[in-house]
PDB file of N, CA and C in Angstrom:
ATOM      1  N   UNK A   1     384.368  98.115 -11.436  1.00  0.00           N
ATOM      2  CA  UNK A   1     383.041  98.357 -11.961  1.00  0.00           C
ATOM      3  C   UNK A   1     382.035  98.551 -10.833  1.00  0.00           C
ATOM      4  N   UNK A   2     381.023  99.305 -11.088  1.00  0.00           N
ATOM      5  CA  UNK A   2     380.014  99.574 -10.069  1.00  0.00           C
ATOM      6  C   UNK A   2     379.168  98.335  -9.802  1.00  0.00           C
ATOM      7  N   UNK A   3     378.889  97.527 -10.814  1.00  0.00           N
ATOM      8  CA  UNK A   3     378.047  96.351 -10.663  1.00  0.00           C
ATOM      9  C   UNK A   3     378.673  95.270  -9.805  1.00  0.00           C
ATOM     10  N   UNK A   4     380.004  95.191  -9.776  1.00  0.00           N
ATOM     11  CA  UNK A   4     380.671  94.162  -9.000  1.00  0.00           C
ATOM     12  C   UNK A   4     380.589  94.424  -7.509  1.00  0.00           C
ATOM     13  N   UNK A   5     380.533  95.686  -7.098  1.00  0.00           N
ATOM     14  CA  UNK A   5     380.493  96.006  -5.680  1.00  0.00           C
ATOM     15  C   UNK A   5     379.106  95.812  -5.077  1.00  0.00           C
ATOM     16  N   UNK A   6     378.078  95.762  -5.928  1.00  0.00           N
ATOM     17  CA  UNK A   6     376.724  95.566  -5.434  1.00  0.00           C
ATOM     18  C   UNK A   6     376.557  94.124  -4.989  1.00  0.00           C
ATOM     19  N   UNK A   7     375.899  93.947  -3.857  1.00  0.00           N
ATOM     20  CA  UNK A   7     375.669  92.617  -3.327  1.00  0.00           C
ATOM     21  C   UNK A   7     374.338  92.090  -3.843  1.00  0.00           C
ATOM     22  N   UNK A   8     374.365  90.868  -4.410  1.00  0.00           N
ATOM     23  CA  UNK A   8     373.130  90.250  -4.873  1.00  0.00           C
ATOM     24  C   UNK A   8     372.400  89.641  -3.681  1.00  0.00           C
ATOM     25  N   UNK A   9     371.076  89.677  -3.712  1.00  0.00           N
ATOM     26  CA  UNK A   9     370.341  88.980  -2.652  1.00  0.00           C
ATOM     27  C   UNK A   9     370.544  87.468  -2.813  1.00  0.00           C
ATOM     28  N   UNK A  10     370.499  86.736  -1.716  1.00  0.00           N
ATOM     29  CA  UNK A  10     370.665  85.285  -1.780  1.00  0.00           C
ATOM     30  C   UNK A  10     369.434  84.599  -2.346  1.00  0.00           C
ATOM     31  N   UNK A  11     368.278  85.256  -2.217  1.00  0.00           N
ATOM     32  CA  UNK A  11     367.022  84.664  -2.658  1.00  0.00           C
ATOM     33  C   UNK A  11     366.195  85.717  -3.383  1.00  0.00           C
ATOM     34  N   UNK A  12     365.720  85.342  -4.571  1.00  0.00           N
ATOM     35  CA  UNK A  12     364.805  86.205  -5.325  1.00  0.00           C
ATOM     36  C   UNK A  12     363.531  85.426  -5.601  1.00  0.00           C
ATOM     37  N   UNK A  13     362.421  86.131  -5.666  1.00  0.00           N
ATOM     38  CA  UNK A  13     361.144  85.504  -5.962  1.00  0.00           C
ATOM     39  C   UNK A  13     360.695  85.971  -7.338  1.00  0.00           C
ATOM     40  N   UNK A  14     360.442  85.021  -8.255  1.00  0.00           N
ATOM     41  CA  UNK A  14     360.018  85.342  -9.615  1.00  0.00           C
ATOM     42  C   UNK A  14     358.623  84.779  -9.808  1.00  0.00           C
ATOM     43  N   UNK A  15     357.698  85.652 -10.152  1.00  0.00           N
ATOM     44  CA  UNK A  15     356.314  85.238 -10.320  1.00  0.00           C
ATOM     45  C   UNK A  15     355.805  85.752 -11.656  1.00  0.00           C
ATOM     46  N   UNK A  16     355.166  84.880 -12.411  1.00  0.00           N
ATOM     47  CA  UNK A  16     354.619  85.278 -13.704  1.00  0.00           C
ATOM     48  C   UNK A  16     353.471  86.262 -13.506  1.00  0.00           C
ATOM     49  N   UNK A  17     353.296  87.140 -14.466  1.00  0.00           N
ATOM     50  CA  UNK A  17     352.183  88.092 -14.399  1.00  0.00           C
ATOM     51  C   UNK A  17     350.864  87.341 -14.334  1.00  0.00           C
ATOM     52  N   UNK A  18     350.033  87.707 -13.385  1.00  0.00           N
ATOM     53  CA  UNK A  18     348.719  87.094 -13.249  1.00  0.00           C
ATOM     54  C   UNK A  18     348.735  85.775 -12.488  1.00  0.00           C
ATOM     55  N   UNK A  19     349.901  85.239 -12.161  1.00  0.00           N
ATOM     56  CA  UNK A  19     349.972  83.983 -11.418  1.00  0.00           C
ATOM     57  C   UNK A  19     349.655  84.237  -9.948  1.00  0.00           C
ATOM     58  N   UNK A  20     349.071  83.226  -9.310  1.00  0.00           N
ATOM     59  CA  UNK A  20     348.776  83.391  -7.888  1.00  0.00           C
ATOM     60  C   UNK A  20     350.014  83.094  -7.046  1.00  0.00           C
ATOM     61  N   UNK A  21     349.901  83.305  -5.752  1.00  0.00           N
ATOM     62  CA  UNK A  21     351.035  83.127  -4.851  1.00  0.00           C
ATOM     63  C   UNK A  21     351.385  81.659  -4.621  1.00  0.00           C
ATOM     64  N   UNK A  22     350.556  80.764  -5.125  1.00  0.00           N
ATOM     65  CA  UNK A  22     350.797  79.338  -4.947  1.00  0.00           C
ATOM     66  C   UNK A  22     351.701  78.743  -6.007  1.00  0.00           C
ATOM     67  N   UNK A  23     352.127  79.530  -6.968  1.00  0.00           N
ATOM     68  CA  UNK A  23     352.979  79.057  -8.058  1.00  0.00           C
ATOM     69  C   UNK A  23     354.109  80.063  -8.266  1.00  0.00           C
ATOM     70  N   UNK A  24     355.277  79.749  -7.677  1.00  0.00           N
ATOM     71  CA  UNK A  24     356.374  80.714  -7.652  1.00  0.00           C
ATOM     72  C   UNK A  24     357.693  80.018  -7.958  1.00  0.00           C
ATOM     73  N   UNK A  25     358.572  80.723  -8.654  1.00  0.00           N
ATOM     74  CA  UNK A  25     359.951  80.276  -8.852  1.00  0.00           C
ATOM     75  C   UNK A  25     360.841  81.155  -7.982  1.00  0.00           C
ATOM     76  N   UNK A  26     361.673  80.502  -7.198  1.00  0.00           N
ATOM     77  CA  UNK A  26     362.643  81.198  -6.353  1.00  0.00           C
ATOM     78  C   UNK A  26     364.012  80.995  -6.966  1.00  0.00           C
ATOM     79  N   UNK A  27     364.794  82.053  -7.025  1.00  0.00           N
ATOM     80  CA  UNK A  27     366.170  81.961  -7.511  1.00  0.00           C
ATOM     81  C   UNK A  27     367.074  82.034  -6.288  1.00  0.00           C
ATOM     82  N   UNK A  28     367.822  80.954  -6.053  1.00  0.00           N
ATOM     83  CA  UNK A  28     368.748  80.891  -4.921  1.00  0.00           C
ATOM     84  C   UNK A  28     370.154  81.043  -5.467  1.00  0.00           C
ATOM     85  N   UNK A  29     370.802  82.138  -5.106  1.00  0.00           N
ATOM     86  CA  UNK A  29     372.147  82.425  -5.584  1.00  0.00           C
ATOM     87  C   UNK A  29     373.182  81.719  -4.713  1.00  0.00           C
ATOM     88  N   UNK A  30     374.313  81.396  -5.314  1.00  0.00           N
ATOM     89  CA  UNK A  30     375.427  80.723  -4.643  1.00  0.00           C
ATOM     90  C   UNK A  30     375.023  79.376  -4.061  1.00  0.00           C
ATOM     91  N   UNK A  31     374.157  78.651  -4.747  1.00  0.00           N
ATOM     92  CA  UNK A  31     373.720  77.320  -4.318  1.00  0.00           C
ATOM     93  C   UNK A  31     373.822  76.353  -5.481  1.00  0.00           C
ATOM     94  N   UNK A  32     373.785  75.054  -5.147  1.00  0.00           N
ATOM     95  CA  UNK A  32     373.888  74.023  -6.172  1.00  0.00           C
ATOM     96  C   UNK A  32     373.029  72.824  -5.778  1.00  0.00           C
ATOM     97  N   UNK A  33     373.351  71.650  -6.314  1.00  0.00           N
ATOM     98  CA  UNK A  33     372.570  70.444  -6.056  1.00  0.00           C
ATOM     99  C   UNK A  33     372.529  70.065  -4.579  1.00  0.00           C
ATOM    100  N   UNK A  34     373.540  70.435  -3.814  1.00  0.00           N
ATOM    101  CA  UNK A  34     373.588  70.058  -2.404  1.00  0.00           C
ATOM    102  C   UNK A  34     372.348  70.561  -1.677  1.00  0.00           C
ATOM    103  N   UNK A  35     372.039  71.823  -1.825  1.00  0.00           N
ATOM    104  CA  UNK A  35     370.839  72.370  -1.200  1.00  0.00           C
ATOM    105  C   UNK A  35     369.599  72.043  -2.024  1.00  0.00           C
ATOM    106  N   UNK A  36     369.706  72.131  -3.330  1.00  0.00           N
ATOM    107  CA  UNK A  36     368.541  71.951  -4.191  1.00  0.00           C
ATOM    108  C   UNK A  36     367.840  70.619  -3.996  1.00  0.00           C
ATOM    109  N   UNK A  37     368.582  69.522  -4.027  1.00  0.00           N
ATOM    110  CA  UNK A  37     367.963  68.207  -3.915  1.00  0.00           C
ATOM    111  C   UNK A  37     367.446  67.951  -2.509  1.00  0.00           C
ATOM    112  N   UNK A  38     368.194  68.348  -1.491  1.00  0.00           N
ATOM    113  CA  UNK A  38     367.763  68.151  -0.101  1.00  0.00           C
ATOM    114  C   UNK A  38     366.498  68.953   0.187  1.00  0.00           C
ATOM    115  N   UNK A  39     366.485  70.198  -0.240  1.00  0.00           N
ATOM    116  CA  UNK A  39     365.328  71.057   0.003  1.00  0.00           C
ATOM    117  C   UNK A  39     364.110  70.572  -0.777  1.00  0.00           C
ATOM    118  N   UNK A  40     364.323  70.131  -2.014  1.00  0.00           N
ATOM    119  CA  UNK A  40     363.217  69.590  -2.805  1.00  0.00           C
ATOM    120  C   UNK A  40     362.580  68.396  -2.097  1.00  0.00           C
ATOM    121  N   UNK A  41     363.412  67.515  -1.547  1.00  0.00           N
ATOM    122  CA  UNK A  41     362.903  66.341  -0.827  1.00  0.00           C
ATOM    123  C   UNK A  41     362.061  66.768   0.379  1.00  0.00           C
ATOM    124  N   UNK A  42     362.563  67.708   1.156  1.00  0.00           N
ATOM    125  CA  UNK A  42     361.842  68.151   2.348  1.00  0.00           C
ATOM    126  C   UNK A  42     360.515  68.815   1.990  1.00  0.00           C
ATOM    127  N   UNK A  43     360.507  69.612   0.942  1.00  0.00           N
ATOM    128  CA  UNK A  43     359.283  70.319   0.545  1.00  0.00           C
ATOM    129  C   UNK A  43     358.251  69.349  -0.025  1.00  0.00           C
ATOM    130  N   UNK A  44     358.695  68.342  -0.767  1.00  0.00           N
ATOM    131  CA  UNK A  44     357.747  67.395  -1.356  1.00  0.00           C
ATOM    132  C   UNK A  44     357.065  66.514  -0.306  1.00  0.00           C
ATOM    133  N   UNK A  45     357.587  66.477   0.901  1.00  0.00           N
ATOM    134  CA  UNK A  45     356.926  65.747   1.984  1.00  0.00           C
ATOM    135  C   UNK A  45     355.667  66.474   2.453  1.00  0.00           C
ATOM    136  N   UNK A  46     355.535  67.740   2.110  1.00  0.00           N
ATOM    137  CA  UNK A  46     354.377  68.545   2.475  1.00  0.00           C
ATOM    138  C   UNK A  46     353.204  68.168   1.569  1.00  0.00           C
ATOM    139  N   UNK A  47     352.091  67.749   2.170  1.00  0.00           N
ATOM    140  CA  UNK A  47     350.942  67.291   1.383  1.00  0.00           C
ATOM    141  C   UNK A  47     350.250  68.418   0.614  1.00  0.00           C
ATOM    142  N   UNK A  48     350.504  69.665   0.983  1.00  0.00           N
ATOM    143  CA  UNK A  48     349.896  70.801   0.285  1.00  0.00           C
ATOM    144  C   UNK A  48     350.652  71.170  -0.987  1.00  0.00           C
ATOM    145  N   UNK A  49     351.798  70.536  -1.233  1.00  0.00           N
ATOM    146  CA  UNK A  49     352.620  70.871  -2.394  1.00  0.00           C
ATOM    147  C   UNK A  49     352.310  69.899  -3.532  1.00  0.00           C
ATOM    148  N   UNK A  50     351.954  70.470  -4.677  1.00  0.00           N
ATOM    149  CA  UNK A  50     351.646  69.673  -5.860  1.00  0.00           C
ATOM    150  C   UNK A  50     352.901  69.408  -6.682  1.00  0.00           C
ATOM    151  N   UNK A  51     353.781  70.390  -6.773  1.00  0.00           N
ATOM    152  CA  UNK A  51     355.009  70.248  -7.552  1.00  0.00           C
ATOM    153  C   UNK A  51     356.137  71.023  -6.881  1.00  0.00           C
ATOM    154  N   UNK A  52     357.309  70.416  -6.891  1.00  0.00           N
ATOM    155  CA  UNK A  52     358.504  71.098  -6.413  1.00  0.00           C
ATOM    156  C   UNK A  52     359.682  70.547  -7.203  1.00  0.00           C
ATOM    157  N   UNK A  53     360.440  71.416  -7.814  1.00  0.00           N
ATOM    158  CA  UNK A  53     361.602  70.990  -8.582  1.00  0.00           C
ATOM    159  C   UNK A  53     362.578  72.140  -8.716  1.00  0.00           C
ATOM    160  N   UNK A  54     363.764  71.808  -9.174  1.00  0.00           N
ATOM    161  CA  UNK A  54     364.769  72.847  -9.345  1.00  0.00           C
ATOM    162  C   UNK A  54     365.611  72.549 -10.571  1.00  0.00           C
ATOM    163  N   UNK A  55     366.216  73.592 -11.089  1.00  0.00           N
ATOM    164  CA  UNK A  55     367.146  73.447 -12.207  1.00  0.00           C
ATOM    165  C   UNK A  55     368.379  74.294 -11.919  1.00  0.00           C
ATOM    166  N   UNK A  56     369.502  73.797 -12.398  1.00  0.00           N
ATOM    167  CA  UNK A  56     370.734  74.572 -12.384  1.00  0.00           C
ATOM    168  C   UNK A  56     370.765  75.273 -13.732  1.00  0.00           C
ATOM    169  N   UNK A  57     370.821  76.588 -13.715  1.00  0.00           N
ATOM    170  CA  UNK A  57     370.696  77.335 -14.963  1.00  0.00           C
ATOM    171  C   UNK A  57     371.824  77.017 -15.937  1.00  0.00           C
ATOM    172  N   UNK A  58     373.056  76.996 -15.447  1.00  0.00           N
ATOM    173  CA  UNK A  58     374.224  76.704 -16.280  1.00  0.00           C
ATOM    174  C   UNK A  58     375.362  76.342 -15.344  1.00  0.00           C
ATOM    175  N   UNK A  59     376.228  75.394 -15.741  1.00  0.00           N
ATOM    176  CA  UNK A  59     377.326  74.991 -14.843  1.00  0.00           C
ATOM    177  C   UNK A  59     378.242  76.137 -14.402  1.00  0.00           C
ATOM    178  N   UNK A  60     378.343  77.171 -15.209  1.00  0.00           N
ATOM    179  CA  UNK A  60     379.224  78.283 -14.833  1.00  0.00           C
ATOM    180  C   UNK A  60     378.539  79.294 -13.909  1.00  0.00           C
ATOM    181  N   UNK A  61     377.226  79.168 -13.720  1.00  0.00           N
ATOM    182  CA  UNK A  61     376.497  80.055 -12.820  1.00  0.00           C
ATOM    183  C   UNK A  61     376.184  79.307 -11.525  1.00  0.00           C
ATOM    184  N   UNK A  62     376.414  79.961 -10.411  1.00  0.00           N
ATOM    185  CA  UNK A  62     376.153  79.310  -9.130  1.00  0.00           C
ATOM    186  C   UNK A  62     374.796  79.767  -8.584  1.00  0.00           C
ATOM    187  N   UNK A  63     373.751  79.351  -9.284  1.00  0.00           N
ATOM    188  CA  UNK A  63     372.405  79.643  -8.815  1.00  0.00           C
ATOM    189  C   UNK A  63     371.464  78.540  -9.287  1.00  0.00           C
ATOM    190  N   UNK A  64     370.373  78.380  -8.556  1.00  0.00           N
ATOM    191  CA  UNK A  64     369.365  77.407  -8.949  1.00  0.00           C
ATOM    192  C   UNK A  64     368.013  78.109  -9.036  1.00  0.00           C
ATOM    193  N   UNK A  65     367.195  77.638  -9.959  1.00  0.00           N
ATOM    194  CA  UNK A  65     365.804  78.072 -10.049  1.00  0.00           C
ATOM    195  C   UNK A  65     364.973  76.999  -9.363  1.00  0.00           C
ATOM    196  N   UNK A  66     364.272  77.386  -8.327  1.00  0.00           N
ATOM    197  CA  UNK A  66     363.540  76.461  -7.477  1.00  0.00           C
ATOM    198  C   UNK A  66     362.060  76.771  -7.586  1.00  0.00           C
ATOM    199  N   UNK A  67     361.284  75.833  -8.127  1.00  0.00           N
ATOM    200  CA  UNK A  67     359.865  76.063  -8.412  1.00  0.00           C
ATOM    201  C   UNK A  67     358.986  75.311  -7.424  1.00  0.00           C
ATOM    202  N   UNK A  68     358.008  75.997  -6.870  1.00  0.00           N
ATOM    203  CA  UNK A  68     357.048  75.383  -5.956  1.00  0.00           C
ATOM    204  C   UNK A  68     355.643  75.743  -6.421  1.00  0.00           C
ATOM    205  N   UNK A  69     354.785  74.715  -6.455  1.00  0.00           N
ATOM    206  CA  UNK A  69     353.377  74.930  -6.789  1.00  0.00           C
ATOM    207  C   UNK A  69     352.541  74.200  -5.750  1.00  0.00           C
ATOM    208  N   UNK A  70     351.671  74.939  -5.079  1.00  0.00           N
ATOM    209  CA  UNK A  70     350.810  74.329  -4.067  1.00  0.00           C
ATOM    210  C   UNK A  70     349.527  73.821  -4.715  1.00  0.00           C
ATOM    211  N   UNK A  71     348.838  72.950  -3.999  1.00  0.00           N
ATOM    212  CA  UNK A  71     347.678  72.240  -4.556  1.00  0.00           C
ATOM    213  C   UNK A  71     346.487  73.133  -4.872  1.00  0.00           C
ATOM    214  N   UNK A  72     346.113  73.986  -3.982  1.00  0.00           N
ATOM    215  CA  UNK A  72     344.898  74.765  -4.146  1.00  0.00           C
ATOM    216  C   UNK A  72     345.236  76.148  -4.681  1.00  0.00           C
ATOM    217  N   UNK A  73     344.650  76.483  -5.814  1.00  0.00           N
ATOM    218  CA  UNK A  73     344.864  77.808  -6.390  1.00  0.00           C
ATOM    219  C   UNK A  73     344.299  78.858  -5.450  1.00  0.00           C
ATOM    220  N   UNK A  74     345.107  79.858  -5.147  1.00  0.00           N
ATOM    221  CA  UNK A  74     344.664  80.912  -4.245  1.00  0.00           C
ATOM    222  C   UNK A  74     344.719  80.503  -2.784  1.00  0.00           C
ATOM    223  N   UNK A  75     345.227  79.315  -2.494  1.00  0.00           N
ATOM    224  CA  UNK A  75     345.302  78.831  -1.116  1.00  0.00           C
ATOM    225  C   UNK A  75     346.629  79.179  -0.472  1.00  0.00           C
ATOM    226  N   UNK A  76     347.378  78.152  -0.131  1.00  0.00           N
ATOM    227  CA  UNK A  76     348.653  78.313   0.564  1.00  0.00           C
ATOM    228  C   UNK A  76     349.692  78.958  -0.340  1.00  0.00           C
ATOM    229  N   UNK A  77     350.276  80.082   0.080  1.00  0.00           N
ATOM    230  CA  UNK A  77     351.336  80.708  -0.723  1.00  0.00           C
ATOM    231  C   UNK A  77     352.568  79.802  -0.774  1.00  0.00           C
ATOM    232  N   UNK A  78     353.271  79.805  -1.887  1.00  0.00           N
ATOM    233  CA  UNK A  78     354.449  78.948  -2.073  1.00  0.00           C
ATOM    234  C   UNK A  78     355.574  79.299  -1.115  1.00  0.00           C
ATOM    235  N   UNK A  79     355.545  80.479  -0.558  1.00  0.00           N
ATOM    236  CA  UNK A  79     356.583  80.886   0.394  1.00  0.00           C
ATOM    237  C   UNK A  79     356.521  80.027   1.657  1.00  0.00           C
ATOM    238  N   UNK A  80     355.333  79.623   2.054  1.00  0.00           N
ATOM    239  CA  UNK A  80     355.175  78.845   3.288  1.00  0.00           C
ATOM    240  C   UNK A  80     355.842  77.465   3.203  1.00  0.00           C
ATOM    241  N   UNK A  81     355.623  76.672   2.150  1.00  0.00           N
ATOM    242  CA  UNK A  81     356.352  75.401   2.068  1.00  0.00           C
ATOM    243  C   UNK A  81     357.868  75.593   1.974  1.00  0.00           C
ATOM    244  N   UNK A  82     358.309  76.670   1.327  1.00  0.00           N
ATOM    245  CA  UNK A  82     359.738  76.956   1.262  1.00  0.00           C
ATOM    246  C   UNK A  82     360.287  77.216   2.663  1.00  0.00           C
ATOM    247  N   UNK A  83     359.600  78.060   3.411  1.00  0.00           N
ATOM    248  CA  UNK A  83     360.032  78.386   4.781  1.00  0.00           C
ATOM    249  C   UNK A  83     360.040  77.125   5.649  1.00  0.00           C
ATOM    250  N   UNK A  84     358.984  76.340   5.558  1.00  0.00           N
ATOM    251  CA  UNK A  84     358.898  75.110   6.363  1.00  0.00           C
ATOM    252  C   UNK A  84     359.981  74.114   5.956  1.00  0.00           C
ATOM    253  N   UNK A  85     360.212  73.983   4.646  1.00  0.00           N
ATOM    254  CA  UNK A  85     361.239  73.072   4.155  1.00  0.00           C
ATOM    255  C   UNK A  85     362.622  73.466   4.631  1.00  0.00           C
ATOM    256  N   UNK A  86     362.919  74.761   4.608  1.00  0.00           N
ATOM    257  CA  UNK A  86     364.213  75.238   5.095  1.00  0.00           C
ATOM    258  C   UNK A  86     364.368  74.979   6.593  1.00  0.00           C
ATOM    259  N   UNK A  87     363.300  75.207   7.361  1.00  0.00           N
ATOM    260  CA  UNK A  87     363.352  74.946   8.801  1.00  0.00           C
ATOM    261  C   UNK A  87     363.522  73.458   9.090  1.00  0.00           C
ATOM    262  N   UNK A  88     362.761  72.610   8.381  1.00  0.00           N
ATOM    263  CA  UNK A  88     362.871  71.158   8.571  1.00  0.00           C
ATOM    264  C   UNK A  88     364.263  70.661   8.204  1.00  0.00           C
ATOM    265  N   UNK A  89     364.799  71.161   7.116  1.00  0.00           N
ATOM    266  CA  UNK A  89     366.140  70.759   6.690  1.00  0.00           C
ATOM    267  C   UNK A  89     367.179  71.208   7.714  1.00  0.00           C
ATOM    268  N   UNK A  90     367.009  72.386   8.266  1.00  0.00           N
ATOM    269  CA  UNK A  90     367.911  72.879   9.301  1.00  0.00           C
ATOM    270  C   UNK A  90     367.863  71.969  10.533  1.00  0.00           C
ATOM    271  N   UNK A  91     366.665  71.534  10.924  1.00  0.00           N
ATOM    272  CA  UNK A  91     366.520  70.637  12.078  1.00  0.00           C
ATOM    273  C   UNK A  91     367.204  69.295  11.824  1.00  0.00           C
ATOM    274  N   UNK A  92     367.045  68.753  10.638  1.00  0.00           N
ATOM    275  CA  UNK A  92     367.690  67.484  10.299  1.00  0.00           C
ATOM    276  C   UNK A  92     369.210  67.635  10.347  1.00  0.00           C
ATOM    277  N   UNK A  93     369.711  68.698   9.772  1.00  0.00           N
ATOM    278  CA  UNK A  93     371.163  68.934   9.779  1.00  0.00           C
ATOM    279  C   UNK A  93     371.678  69.111  11.197  1.00  0.00           C
ATOM    280  N   UNK A  94     370.932  69.813  12.028  1.00  0.00           N
ATOM    281  CA  UNK A  94     371.338  70.010  13.423  1.00  0.00           C
ATOM    282  C   UNK A  94     371.354  68.684  14.171  1.00  0.00           C
ATOM    283  N   UNK A  95     370.373  67.821  13.919  1.00  0.00           N
ATOM    284  CA  UNK A  95     370.337  66.497  14.551  1.00  0.00           C
ATOM    285  C   UNK A  95     371.549  65.663  14.131  1.00  0.00           C
ATOM    286  N   UNK A  96     371.869  65.667  12.852  1.00  0.00           N
ATOM    287  CA  UNK A  96     373.032  64.921  12.361  1.00  0.00           C
ATOM    288  C   UNK A  96     374.311  65.456  13.004  1.00  0.00           C
ATOM    289  N   UNK A  97     374.441  66.763  13.069  1.00  0.00           N
ATOM    290  CA  UNK A  97     375.623  67.378  13.678  1.00  0.00           C
ATOM    291  C   UNK A  97     375.741  67.017  15.155  1.00  0.00           C
ATOM    292  N   UNK A  98     374.640  67.096  15.897  1.00  0.00           N
ATOM    293  CA  UNK A  98     374.647  66.757  17.323  1.00  0.00           C
ATOM    294  C   UNK A  98     374.984  65.288  17.543  1.00  0.00           C
ATOM    295  N   UNK A  99     374.402  64.403  16.750  1.00  0.00           N
ATOM    296  CA  UNK A  99     374.675  62.972  16.870  1.00  0.00           C
ATOM    297  C   UNK A  99     376.133  62.677  16.559  1.00  0.00           C
ATOM    298  N   UNK A 100     376.657  63.269  15.514  1.00  0.00           N
ATOM    299  CA  UNK A 100     378.054  63.073  15.151  1.00  0.00           C
ATOM    300  C   UNK A 100     378.975  63.556  16.271  1.00  0.00           C
ATOM    301  N   UNK A 101     378.698  64.746  16.800  1.00  0.00           N
ATOM    302  CA  UNK A 101     379.538  65.293  17.859  1.00  0.00           C
ATOM    303  C   UNK A 101     379.491  64.423  19.108  1.00  0.00           C
ATOM    304  N   UNK A 102     378.325  63.887  19.438  1.00  0.00           N
ATOM    305  CA  UNK A 102     378.200  63.007  20.608  1.00  0.00           C
ATOM    306  C   UNK A 102     379.046  61.751  20.423  1.00  0.00           C
ATOM    307  N   UNK A 103     379.045  61.174  19.221  1.00  0.00           N
ATOM    308  CA  UNK A 103     379.836  59.962  18.958  1.00  0.00           C
ATOM    309  C   UNK A 103     381.331  60.262  18.979  1.00  0.00           C
ATOM    310  N   UNK A 104     381.727  61.417  18.485  1.00  0.00           N
ATOM    311  CA  UNK A 104     383.137  61.813  18.543  1.00  0.00           C
ATOM    312  C   UNK A 104     383.566  61.953  19.996  1.00  0.00           C
ATOM    313  N   UNK A 105     382.723  62.576  20.813  1.00  0.00           N
ATOM    314  CA  UNK A 105     383.039  62.732  22.231  1.00  0.00           C
ATOM    315  C   UNK A 105     383.149  61.379  22.926  1.00  0.00           C
ATOM    316  N   UNK A 106     382.227  60.461  22.622  1.00  0.00           N
ATOM    317  CA  UNK A 106     382.292  59.106  23.194  1.00  0.00           C
ATOM    318  C   UNK A 106     383.590  58.414  22.796  1.00  0.00           C
ATOM    319  N   UNK A 107     383.957  58.534  21.545  1.00  0.00           N
ATOM    320  CA  UNK A 107     385.193  57.919  21.063  1.00  0.00           C
ATOM    321  C   UNK A 107     386.406  58.491  21.788  1.00  0.00           C
ATOM    322  N   UNK A 108     386.451  59.807  21.910  1.00  0.00           N
ATOM    323  CA  UNK A 108     387.574  60.455  22.585  1.00  0.00           C
ATOM    324  C   UNK A 108     387.665  60.053  24.052  1.00  0.00           C
ATOM    325  N   UNK A 109     386.525  59.904  24.711  1.00  0.00           N
ATOM    326  CA  UNK A 109     386.526  59.467  26.107  1.00  0.00           C
ATOM    327  C   UNK A 109     387.068  58.050  26.235  1.00  0.00           C
ATOM    328  N   UNK A 110     386.714  57.170  25.322  1.00  0.00           N
ATOM    329  CA  UNK A 110     387.218  55.794  25.351  1.00  0.00           C
ATOM    330  C   UNK A 110     388.717  55.760  25.108  1.00  0.00           C
ATOM    331  N   UNK A 111     389.222  56.663  24.283  1.00  0.00           N
ATOM    332  CA  UNK A 111     390.648  56.714  23.990  1.00  0.00           C
ATOM    333  C   UNK A 111     391.453  57.198  25.190  1.00  0.00           C
ATOM    334  N   UNK A 112     390.842  58.047  26.015  1.00  0.00           N
ATOM    335  CA  UNK A 112     391.538  58.595  27.174  1.00  0.00           C
ATOM    336  C   UNK A 112     391.588  57.636  28.349  1.00  0.00           C
ATOM    337  N   UNK A 113     390.690  56.641  28.378  1.00  0.00           N
ATOM    338  CA  UNK A 113     390.675  55.683  29.488  1.00  0.00           C
ATOM    339  C   UNK A 113     391.905  54.781  29.410  1.00  0.00           C
ATOM    340  N   UNK A 114     392.538  54.510  30.578  1.00  0.00           N
ATOM    341  CA  UNK A 114     393.713  53.642  30.561  1.00  0.00           C
ATOM    342  C   UNK A 114     393.332  52.211  30.218  1.00  0.00           C
ATOM    343  N   UNK A 115     394.191  51.549  29.496  1.00  0.00           N
ATOM    344  CA  UNK A 115     393.945  50.151  29.126  1.00  0.00           C
ATOM    345  C   UNK A 115     394.258  49.255  30.314  1.00  0.00           C
ATOM    346  N   UNK A 116     393.446  48.262  30.529  1.00  0.00           N
ATOM    347  CA  UNK A 116     393.645  47.354  31.658  1.00  0.00           C
ATOM    348  C   UNK A 116     394.356  46.094  31.238  1.00  0.00           C
TER     349      UNK A 116
END
C-alpha cells in the first residue's frame, strides 16, 4: 500500500482554531508512558506552565497526546516549555548514563587489581 511506505513525523502540533500559541496539544508518535511521564514532570517544573498532561490514545496505538498550556495568554508559546523540557530531560539522562558508566569502570578496575 502507498500509505504504509510514507513516514509519519515523530511530532505533530495540534492547535484548536482561534487558540493562541500558549495552548497546544502535541502528538508524539512511537512513544508511551516512559517518555510521557518523565517529560510531563520536567515541563511542570517550569513556572510559566499552567497545565501539562498527556494521554495514551489507545493501547494498540503507540502515540501520546501531550498538552501544554502556559500561564499568560498570548505570552510564552507552548513550544518553548516542550523544547526546554526535552533538553532538561536529555541532560538528566546523560548525567545518569555518565554516572553509571563511571561506577562500572570503577568496579572493573577493582576487579582487575590483584588480591593481596
